[in-house]
Amino acid sequence: MASMLMDVTRMQAGVGISITPQAGDLHELVGMLVDEARSKGGDRAFEHQQVGDGRGEFDDDRIAQVVTNLLDNATKYSPLGSTVSVVTRGSPSTLEVEVRNPGQIDPDLLPRVFEPFTQGAPGTNISKFSAGLGLYVVRQLTEAHGGRIEVRSSREAGTTFRVTLPRHWQNGEDRPAPLEPQPLH
């Protein structure tokens, strides 16, 4: 929590977030995080599917922060006994992580879900101490990588967060603007 608050302070001061990209495999990183979520026990099942080549350049600590937060939220806001599905995907130019759960985000909250201090309605598995900063930090870390995050949520389909990152890191002014949003399928 202290680390997250320091990141938020840096973001709001306009200092930015430190990103240290290195070669890595998104499939392996996310697989370890899903295994860790699974090992915490609890009453949720976790599935992980890998598609394509997961190798690329990213800050593995920061992407682990992104994925861990999405997994924690999926656990908190999904029904007891449900399954959290994770898909990592590599295409020629991008890497993606999708985290799905059968819970629904309140439609009134959906447009603000990435704003700081925004929280969903309390449920059976919600921590009493949550500052509502997790998804704000997720978006900032994703964009610092030159990527984007999208969310889709409905009662019928549940909730899907999709993070899309450029496969190869570009430094400084050479780094592209965040990727343009694509519709979730």
Protein backbone atom coordinates (compact mmCIF):
# COMPACT_ATOMS: atom_id res chain seq x y z
CA MET A 1 0.00 0.00 0.00
CA ALA A 2 2.84 2.40 0.84
CA SER A 3 4.46 1.73 -2.54
CA MET A 4 1.15 2.39 -4.30
CA LEU A 5 0.68 5.68 -2.43
CA MET A 6 4.20 6.76 -3.40
CA ASP A 7 3.44 5.93 -7.06
CA VAL A 8 0.20 7.93 -6.91
CA THR A 9 2.01 10.88 -5.35
CA ARG A 10 4.60 10.80 -8.16
CA MET A 11 1.86 10.56 -10.81
CA GLN A 12 -0.12 13.46 -9.41
CA ALA A 13 3.03 15.57 -9.05
CA GLY A 14 3.78 14.99 -12.73
CA VAL A 15 7.06 13.22 -11.94
CA GLY A 16 6.03 10.00 -13.65
CA ILE A 17 6.63 6.38 -12.93
CA SER A 18 9.96 4.62 -13.16
CA ILE A 19 9.89 1.89 -15.83
CA THR A 20 12.87 -0.42 -16.31
CA PRO A 21 12.16 -2.58 -19.35
CA GLN A 22 13.98 -5.82 -19.98
CA ALA A 23 13.45 -8.92 -22.06
CA GLY A 24 10.86 -11.20 -20.55
CA ASP A 25 8.08 -13.67 -21.23
CA LEU A 26 4.60 -12.44 -20.40
CA HIS A 27 3.20 -15.99 -20.41
CA GLU A 28 5.70 -17.08 -17.74
CA LEU A 29 5.25 -13.96 -15.60
CA VAL A 30 1.46 -14.15 -15.63
CA GLY A 31 1.55 -17.92 -15.13
CA MET A 32 3.52 -17.43 -11.91
CA LEU A 33 1.07 -14.75 -10.73
CA VAL A 34 -1.94 -16.97 -11.47
CA ASP A 35 -0.25 -19.84 -9.57
CA GLU A 36 0.34 -17.47 -6.65
CA ALA A 37 -3.33 -16.39 -6.67
CA ARG A 38 -4.36 -20.04 -6.83
CA SER A 39 -2.08 -20.91 -3.87
CA LYS A 40 -3.69 -18.28 -1.66
CA GLY A 41 -6.52 -20.73 -1.43
CA GLY A 42 -9.88 -19.12 -1.26
CA ASP A 43 -12.99 -20.08 -3.07
CA ARG A 44 -12.16 -18.97 -6.62
CA ALA A 45 -10.71 -21.14 -9.38
CA PHE A 46 -8.12 -19.69 -11.78
CA GLU A 47 -7.53 -20.63 -15.41
CA HIS A 48 -4.65 -19.41 -17.57
CA GLN A 49 -4.52 -19.77 -21.34
CA GLN A 50 -1.49 -18.78 -23.45
CA VAL A 51 -1.75 -17.83 -27.12
CA GLY A 52 1.19 -16.99 -29.39
CA ASP A 53 4.68 -15.88 -28.41
CA GLY A 54 4.80 -14.16 -25.00
CA ARG A 55 8.32 -12.74 -25.31
CA GLY A 56 8.81 -8.98 -25.31
CA GLU A 57 10.32 -6.04 -23.46
CA PHE A 58 8.62 -4.68 -20.35
CA ASP A 59 9.23 -3.91 -16.70
CA ASP A 60 8.33 -7.24 -15.15
CA ASP A 61 7.90 -5.79 -11.64
CA ARG A 62 5.49 -3.12 -12.90
CA ILE A 63 3.54 -5.55 -15.10
CA ALA A 64 3.37 -7.93 -12.13
CA GLN A 65 1.84 -5.04 -10.17
CA VAL A 66 -0.75 -4.53 -12.95
CA VAL A 67 -1.70 -8.21 -13.19
CA THR A 68 -1.74 -8.79 -9.43
CA ASN A 69 -4.11 -5.88 -8.99
CA LEU A 70 -6.41 -7.17 -11.74
CA LEU A 71 -6.39 -10.67 -10.21
CA ASP A 72 -7.12 -9.27 -6.74
CA ASN A 73 -10.02 -7.21 -8.08
CA ALA A 74 -11.39 -10.16 -10.03
CA THR A 75 -11.31 -12.20 -6.81
CA LYS A 76 -12.92 -9.46 -4.70
CA TYR A 77 -15.71 -8.62 -7.11
CA SER A 78 -16.75 -12.06 -8.37
CA PRO A 79 -19.24 -14.47 -6.84
CA LEU A 80 -18.03 -17.09 -4.38
CA GLY A 81 -17.08 -20.34 -6.11
CA SER A 82 -16.59 -18.68 -9.50
CA THR A 83 -13.69 -18.91 -11.95
CA VAL A 84 -11.28 -16.13 -12.88
CA SER A 85 -10.01 -16.65 -16.43
CA VAL A 86 -6.73 -15.17 -17.61
CA VAL A 87 -5.50 -15.15 -21.21
CA THR A 88 -2.06 -13.96 -22.28
CA ARG A 89 -1.66 -13.35 -25.98
CA GLY A 90 1.24 -12.40 -28.22
CA SER A 91 0.85 -10.96 -31.71
CA PRO A 92 3.63 -9.63 -33.96
CA SER A 93 3.47 -6.13 -32.44
CA THR A 94 1.66 -6.47 -29.09
CA LEU A 95 1.33 -8.47 -25.88
CA GLU A 96 -2.01 -8.73 -24.11
CA VAL A 97 -3.37 -9.85 -20.77
CA GLU A 98 -7.11 -10.38 -20.31
CA VAL A 99 -8.58 -11.01 -16.87
CA ARG A 100 -12.24 -12.10 -16.79
CA ASN A 101 -14.61 -12.82 -13.95
CA PRO A 102 -18.38 -13.33 -13.79
CA GLY A 103 -18.97 -10.26 -11.60
CA GLN A 104 -20.40 -7.02 -12.98
CA ILE A 105 -19.21 -3.46 -12.45
CA ASP A 106 -22.08 -1.09 -11.70
CA PRO A 107 -22.87 0.66 -15.02
CA ASP A 108 -22.80 4.06 -13.25
CA LEU A 109 -19.27 3.34 -11.97
CA LEU A 110 -17.88 1.94 -15.24
CA PRO A 111 -16.94 5.33 -16.83
CA ARG A 112 -14.95 6.30 -13.70
CA VAL A 113 -13.38 2.95 -12.83
CA PHE A 114 -9.81 4.14 -13.65
CA GLU A 115 -10.10 7.39 -11.67
CA PRO A 116 -8.34 7.66 -8.29
CA PHE A 117 -10.34 6.94 -5.12
CA THR A 118 -13.04 5.01 -7.03
CA GLN A 119 -14.36 1.83 -5.44
CA GLY A 120 -17.00 -0.72 -6.29
CA ALA A 121 -19.88 -1.57 -4.01
CA PRO A 122 -18.84 -3.56 -0.96
CA GLY A 123 -19.29 -7.29 -1.28
CA THR A 124 -18.59 -10.41 0.70
CA ASN A 125 -14.89 -10.44 -0.12
CA ILE A 126 -14.03 -6.71 -0.10
CA SER A 127 -11.29 -5.47 2.19
CA LYS A 128 -12.42 -2.83 4.63
CA PHE A 129 -9.19 -0.96 3.89
CA SER A 130 -9.08 -0.04 0.25
CA ALA A 131 -8.18 3.40 -1.01
CA GLY A 132 -9.67 2.91 -4.47
CA LEU A 133 -6.31 3.53 -6.16
CA GLY A 134 -5.56 0.13 -7.69
CA LEU A 135 -7.12 0.57 -11.14
CA TYR A 136 -5.82 4.13 -11.37
CA VAL A 137 -2.28 2.82 -10.83
CA VAL A 138 -2.92 -0.04 -13.29
CA ARG A 139 -3.86 2.46 -16.00
CA GLN A 140 -0.86 4.69 -15.27
CA LEU A 141 1.59 1.77 -15.35
CA THR A 142 0.06 0.44 -18.56
CA GLU A 143 0.26 3.84 -20.26
CA ALA A 144 3.85 4.33 -19.02
CA HIS A 145 4.66 1.23 -21.09
CA GLY A 146 3.02 2.84 -24.15
CA GLY A 147 0.01 0.54 -23.75
CA ARG A 148 -3.68 0.79 -23.03
CA ILE A 149 -6.24 -0.80 -20.73
CA GLU A 150 -9.88 -1.41 -21.53
CA VAL A 151 -12.80 -2.77 -19.54
CA ARG A 152 -16.10 -4.32 -20.53
CA SER A 153 -18.75 -5.35 -18.03
CA SER A 154 -22.31 -6.64 -18.17
CA ARG A 155 -24.51 -8.93 -16.14
CA GLU A 156 -24.53 -11.54 -18.92
CA ALA A 157 -20.82 -11.54 -19.83
CA GLY A 158 -19.22 -10.55 -16.51
CA THR A 159 -16.20 -8.24 -16.44
CA THR A 160 -13.13 -8.30 -18.69
CA PHE A 161 -10.06 -6.10 -18.29
CA ARG A 162 -7.65 -6.17 -21.22
CA VAL A 163 -4.14 -4.71 -21.07
CA THR A 164 -2.36 -4.29 -24.40
CA LEU A 165 1.36 -3.46 -24.50
CA PRO A 166 3.76 -2.90 -27.38
CA ARG A 167 5.90 -6.02 -27.75
CA HIS A 168 9.13 -3.99 -28.00
CA TRP A 169 10.06 -1.10 -25.74
CA GLN A 170 10.92 2.24 -27.30
CA ASN A 171 12.71 4.77 -25.16
CA GLY A 172 12.01 8.46 -24.67
CA GLU A 173 10.67 10.45 -27.61
CA ASP A 174 10.80 7.32 -29.79
CA ARG A 175 8.14 5.66 -27.64
CA PRO A 176 4.77 5.62 -29.38
CA ALA A 177 1.69 7.27 -27.94
CA PRO A 178 -0.52 4.79 -26.09
CA LEU A 179 -2.13 2.31 -28.43
CA GLU A 180 -5.53 3.14 -29.85
CA PRO A 181 -8.40 1.26 -28.17
CA GLN A 182 -9.71 -1.79 -30.02
CA PRO A 183 -13.09 -3.34 -29.28
CA LEU A 184 -13.11 -6.23 -26.83
CA HIS A 185 -14.40 -9.40 -28.49
